[in-house]
């Protein structure tokens, strides 16, 4: 393989890497938007549950119990 062929192949690889980086950047941007939307939805739901929750146990107590944060004593 001549040096010109190697140089051409390297240029082609660089172009392919650049395109892949662009695609990855687009995918990551979409993922970040989806995470932000999920967080907004969770916070809205949490606020609604907290607003409507009446009486004991508190929302925080139930959350801790469901996540296994209860203390053994």
C-alpha atoms as a PDB file:
ATOM      1  CA  UNK A   1       0.000   0.000   0.000  1.00  0.00           C
ATOM      2  CA  UNK A   2       1.457   3.344  -0.999  1.00  0.00           C
ATOM      3  CA  UNK A   3       1.678   6.378   1.230  1.00  0.00           C
ATOM      4  CA  UNK A   4      -1.010   8.127  -0.830  1.00  0.00           C
ATOM      5  CA  UNK A   5      -3.372   5.203  -0.290  1.00  0.00           C
ATOM      6  CA  UNK A   6      -2.671   5.240   3.440  1.00  0.00           C
ATOM      7  CA  UNK A   7      -3.285   8.992   3.560  1.00  0.00           C
ATOM      8  CA  UNK A   8      -6.558   8.625   1.642  1.00  0.00           C
ATOM      9  CA  UNK A   9      -7.684   5.857   3.976  1.00  0.00           C
ATOM     10  CA  UNK A  10      -6.837   7.972   7.039  1.00  0.00           C
ATOM     11  CA  UNK A  11      -8.822  10.873   5.612  1.00  0.00           C
ATOM     12  CA  UNK A  12     -11.773   8.582   5.007  1.00  0.00           C
ATOM     13  CA  UNK A  13     -11.566   7.268   8.584  1.00  0.00           C
ATOM     14  CA  UNK A  14     -11.418  10.827   9.938  1.00  0.00           C
ATOM     15  CA  UNK A  15     -14.566  11.754   7.985  1.00  0.00           C
ATOM     16  CA  UNK A  16     -16.359   8.660   9.284  1.00  0.00           C
ATOM     17  CA  UNK A  17     -15.335   9.457  12.866  1.00  0.00           C
ATOM     18  CA  UNK A  18     -16.562  13.029  12.472  1.00  0.00           C
ATOM     19  CA  UNK A  19     -19.953  11.793  11.230  1.00  0.00           C
ATOM     20  CA  UNK A  20     -20.187   9.324  14.108  1.00  0.00           C
ATOM     21  CA  UNK A  21     -19.384  12.090  16.616  1.00  0.00           C
ATOM     22  CA  UNK A  22     -22.160  14.226  15.141  1.00  0.00           C
ATOM     23  CA  UNK A  23     -24.640  11.359  15.419  1.00  0.00           C
ATOM     24  CA  UNK A  24     -23.584  10.592  18.979  1.00  0.00           C
ATOM     25  CA  UNK A  25     -23.946  14.251  19.914  1.00  0.00           C
ATOM     26  CA  UNK A  26     -27.481  14.273  18.547  1.00  0.00           C
ATOM     27  CA  UNK A  27     -28.402  11.108  20.470  1.00  0.00           C
ATOM     28  CA  UNK A  28     -26.971  12.513  23.700  1.00  0.00           C
ATOM     29  CA  UNK A  29     -28.888  15.759  23.230  1.00  0.00           C
ATOM     30  CA  UNK A  30     -32.150  13.812  22.860  1.00  0.00           C
ATOM     31  CA  UNK A  31     -31.314  11.738  25.950  1.00  0.00           C
ATOM     32  CA  UNK A  32     -30.710  14.910  27.979  1.00  0.00           C
ATOM     33  CA  UNK A  33     -34.040  16.358  26.836  1.00  0.00           C
ATOM     34  CA  UNK A  34     -35.849  13.125  27.760  1.00  0.00           C
ATOM     35  CA  UNK A  35     -34.241  13.103  31.208  1.00  0.00           C
ATOM     36  CA  UNK A  36     -35.219  16.743  31.801  1.00  0.00           C
ATOM     37  CA  UNK A  37     -38.803  15.984  30.762  1.00  0.00           C
ATOM     38  CA  UNK A  38     -38.907  12.902  33.022  1.00  0.00           C
ATOM     39  CA  UNK A  39     -37.640  14.953  35.971  1.00  0.00           C
ATOM     40  CA  UNK A  40     -40.244  17.662  35.318  1.00  0.00           C
ATOM     41  CA  UNK A  41     -43.001  15.043  35.168  1.00  0.00           C
ATOM     42  CA  UNK A  42     -41.783  13.379  38.363  1.00  0.00           C
ATOM     43  CA  UNK A  43     -41.675  16.686  40.221  1.00  0.00           C
ATOM     44  CA  UNK A  44     -45.171  17.549  39.037  1.00  0.00           C
ATOM     45  CA  UNK A  45     -46.466  14.153  40.165  1.00  0.00           C
ATOM     46  CA  UNK A  46     -44.655  14.440  43.497  1.00  0.00           C
ATOM     47  CA  UNK A  47     -46.186  17.848  44.060  1.00  0.00           C
ATOM     48  CA  UNK A  48     -49.673  16.570  43.256  1.00  0.00           C
ATOM     49  CA  UNK A  49     -49.303  13.551  45.559  1.00  0.00           C
ATOM     50  CA  UNK A  50     -47.984  15.744  48.367  1.00  0.00           C
ATOM     51  CA  UNK A  51     -50.831  18.213  47.886  1.00  0.00           C
ATOM     52  CA  UNK A  52     -53.511  15.525  48.003  1.00  0.00           C
ATOM     53  CA  UNK A  53     -51.976  13.323  50.722  1.00  0.00           C
ATOM     54  CA  UNK A  54     -53.927  13.570  53.967  1.00  0.00           C
ATOM     55  CA  UNK A  55     -53.041  12.105  57.347  1.00  0.00           C
ATOM     56  CA  UNK A  56     -50.373   9.757  58.601  1.00  0.00           C
ATOM     57  CA  UNK A  57     -48.051   8.314  57.492  1.00  0.00           C
ATOM     58  CA  UNK A  58     -46.421  11.150  55.610  1.00  0.00           C
ATOM     59  CA  UNK A  59     -45.401  10.904  51.960  1.00  0.00           C
ATOM     60  CA  UNK A  60     -41.758  10.953  53.046  1.00  0.00           C
ATOM     61  CA  UNK A  61     -42.317   8.067  55.496  1.00  0.00           C
ATOM     62  CA  UNK A  62     -44.015   5.973  52.828  1.00  0.00           C
ATOM     63  CA  UNK A  63     -41.282   6.767  50.326  1.00  0.00           C
ATOM     64  CA  UNK A  64     -38.581   5.727  52.784  1.00  0.00           C
ATOM     65  CA  UNK A  65     -40.439   2.520  53.605  1.00  0.00           C
ATOM     66  CA  UNK A  66     -40.860   1.625  49.930  1.00  0.00           C
ATOM     67  CA  UNK A  67     -37.161   2.246  49.280  1.00  0.00           C
ATOM     68  CA  UNK A  68     -36.042   0.186  52.284  1.00  0.00           C
ATOM     69  CA  UNK A  69     -34.851   3.137  54.358  1.00  0.00           C
ATOM     70  CA  UNK A  70     -36.561   1.908  57.517  1.00  0.00           C
ATOM     71  CA  UNK A  71     -34.331   1.598  60.529  1.00  0.00           C
ATOM     72  CA  UNK A  72     -34.323  -1.740  62.376  1.00  0.00           C
ATOM     73  CA  UNK A  73     -34.983  -0.195  65.796  1.00  0.00           C
END
